[in-house]
C-alpha atoms as a PDB file:
ATOM      1  CA  MET A   1      12.091  14.129   3.057  1.00  0.00           C
ATOM      2  CA  ALA A   2      12.430  10.598   2.682  1.00  0.00           C
ATOM      3  CA  LYS A   3      15.566  10.323   4.977  1.00  0.00           C
ATOM      4  CA  SER A   4      13.704  11.377   7.760  1.00  0.00           C
ATOM      5  CA  ALA A   5      11.246   9.021   7.479  1.00  0.00           C
ATOM      6  CA  LYS A   6      13.880   6.080   7.599  1.00  0.00           C
ATOM      7  CA  THR A   7      15.350   7.522  10.783  1.00  0.00           C
ATOM      8  CA  ALA A   8      11.807   7.755  12.495  1.00  0.00           C
ATOM      9  CA  ILE A   9      11.604   4.003  11.884  1.00  0.00           C
ATOM     10  CA  LYS A  10      14.837   2.968  13.078  1.00  0.00           C
ATOM     11  CA  LYS A  11      14.336   5.185  16.277  1.00  0.00           C
ATOM     12  CA  ASP A  12      11.278   3.170  17.401  1.00  0.00           C
ATOM     13  CA  PRO A  13      11.785  -0.605  16.772  1.00  0.00           C
ATOM     14  CA  LYS A  14       8.103  -1.195  17.752  1.00  0.00           C
ATOM     15  CA  THR A  15       6.609   1.202  14.925  1.00  0.00           C
ATOM     16  CA  ALA A  16       9.319  -0.561  12.271  1.00  0.00           C
ATOM     17  CA  ALA A  17       8.067  -3.950  13.289  1.00  0.00           C
ATOM     18  CA  GLU A  18       4.293  -2.540  12.446  1.00  0.00           C
ATOM     19  CA  SER A  19       5.499  -1.396   9.158  1.00  0.00           C
ATOM     20  CA  LYS A  20       6.430  -4.172   7.723  1.00  0.00           C
ATOM     21  CA  ASN A  21       2.970  -5.878   8.044  1.00  0.00           C
ATOM     22  CA  TYR A  22       1.453  -3.600   5.733  1.00  0.00           C
ATOM     23  CA  SER A  23       1.712  -3.541   1.924  1.00  0.00           C
ATOM     24  CA  LYS A  24       0.889  -0.978  -0.733  1.00  0.00           C
ATOM     25  CA  VAL A  25      -1.421  -2.469  -3.525  1.00  0.00           C
ATOM     26  CA  ILE A  26      -1.315  -0.757  -6.814  1.00  0.00           C
ATOM     27  CA  LYS A  27      -4.263  -1.765  -8.929  1.00  0.00           C
ATOM     28  CA  ALA A  28      -4.991  -0.860 -12.841  1.00  0.00           C
ATOM     29  CA  VAL A  29      -8.739   0.263 -12.675  1.00  0.00           C
ATOM     30  CA  ARG A  30     -10.390   0.979 -16.264  1.00  0.00           C
ATOM     31  CA  SER A  31     -12.733   3.806 -16.531  1.00  0.00           C
ATOM     32  CA  PRO A  32     -16.063   2.750 -17.935  1.00  0.00           C
ATOM     33  CA  LYS A  33     -16.529   6.452 -20.095  1.00  0.00           C
ATOM     34  CA  THR A  34     -13.026   6.962 -21.292  1.00  0.00           C
ATOM     35  CA  GLY A  35     -11.736   3.317 -21.565  1.00  0.00           C
ATOM     36  CA  ALA A  36      -8.395   4.852 -20.074  1.00  0.00           C
ATOM     37  CA  TYR A  37      -6.547   2.889 -17.409  1.00  0.00           C
ATOM     38  CA  THR A  38      -6.299   4.855 -13.719  1.00  0.00           C
ATOM     39  CA  PHE A  39      -4.442   3.184 -10.716  1.00  0.00           C
ATOM     40  CA  LYS A  40      -6.102   3.015  -7.096  1.00  0.00           C
ATOM     41  CA  GLU A  41      -3.005   2.826  -4.644  1.00  0.00           C
ATOM     42  CA  VAL A  42      -4.068   1.223  -1.530  1.00  0.00           C
ATOM     43  CA  MET A  43      -2.076   0.577   2.011  1.00  0.00           C
ATOM     44  CA  ILE A  44      -3.117  -2.525   3.490  1.00  0.00           C
ATOM     45  CA  HIS A  45      -2.332  -5.410   6.141  1.00  0.00           C
ATOM     46  CA  LYS A  46      -0.125  -8.371   4.120  1.00  0.00           C
ATOM     47  CA  ASP A  47      -2.886 -10.640   5.120  1.00  0.00           C
ATOM     48  CA  LYS A  48      -5.435  -8.893   3.168  1.00  0.00           C
ATOM     49  CA  VAL A  49      -3.838  -8.475  -0.086  1.00  0.00           C
ATOM     50  CA  LYS A  50      -5.581 -11.380  -1.886  1.00  0.00           C
ATOM     51  CA  ASP A  51      -8.966 -10.162  -1.077  1.00  0.00           C
ATOM     52  CA  VAL A  52      -8.490  -6.886  -2.316  1.00  0.00           C
ATOM     53  CA  LEU A  53      -6.799  -7.805  -5.753  1.00  0.00           C
ATOM     54  CA  SER A  54      -9.562 -10.171  -6.213  1.00  0.00           C
ATOM     55  CA  GLY A  55     -12.419  -7.838  -5.445  1.00  0.00           C
ATOM     56  CA  LYS A  56     -13.564  -8.459  -2.397  1.00  0.00           C
END
């Protein structure tokens, strides 16, 4: 499955250029009830990474 995704990006240069502007941010969030950590994953534009990590 991963090979088909890589192939699709190589065929369309516009899509490849746009996809490089996005980052996957994984943030650990502590549950108020149990105290256990869960992970929140978000795909965002690279210019907004600091805003998401600071909590804005």
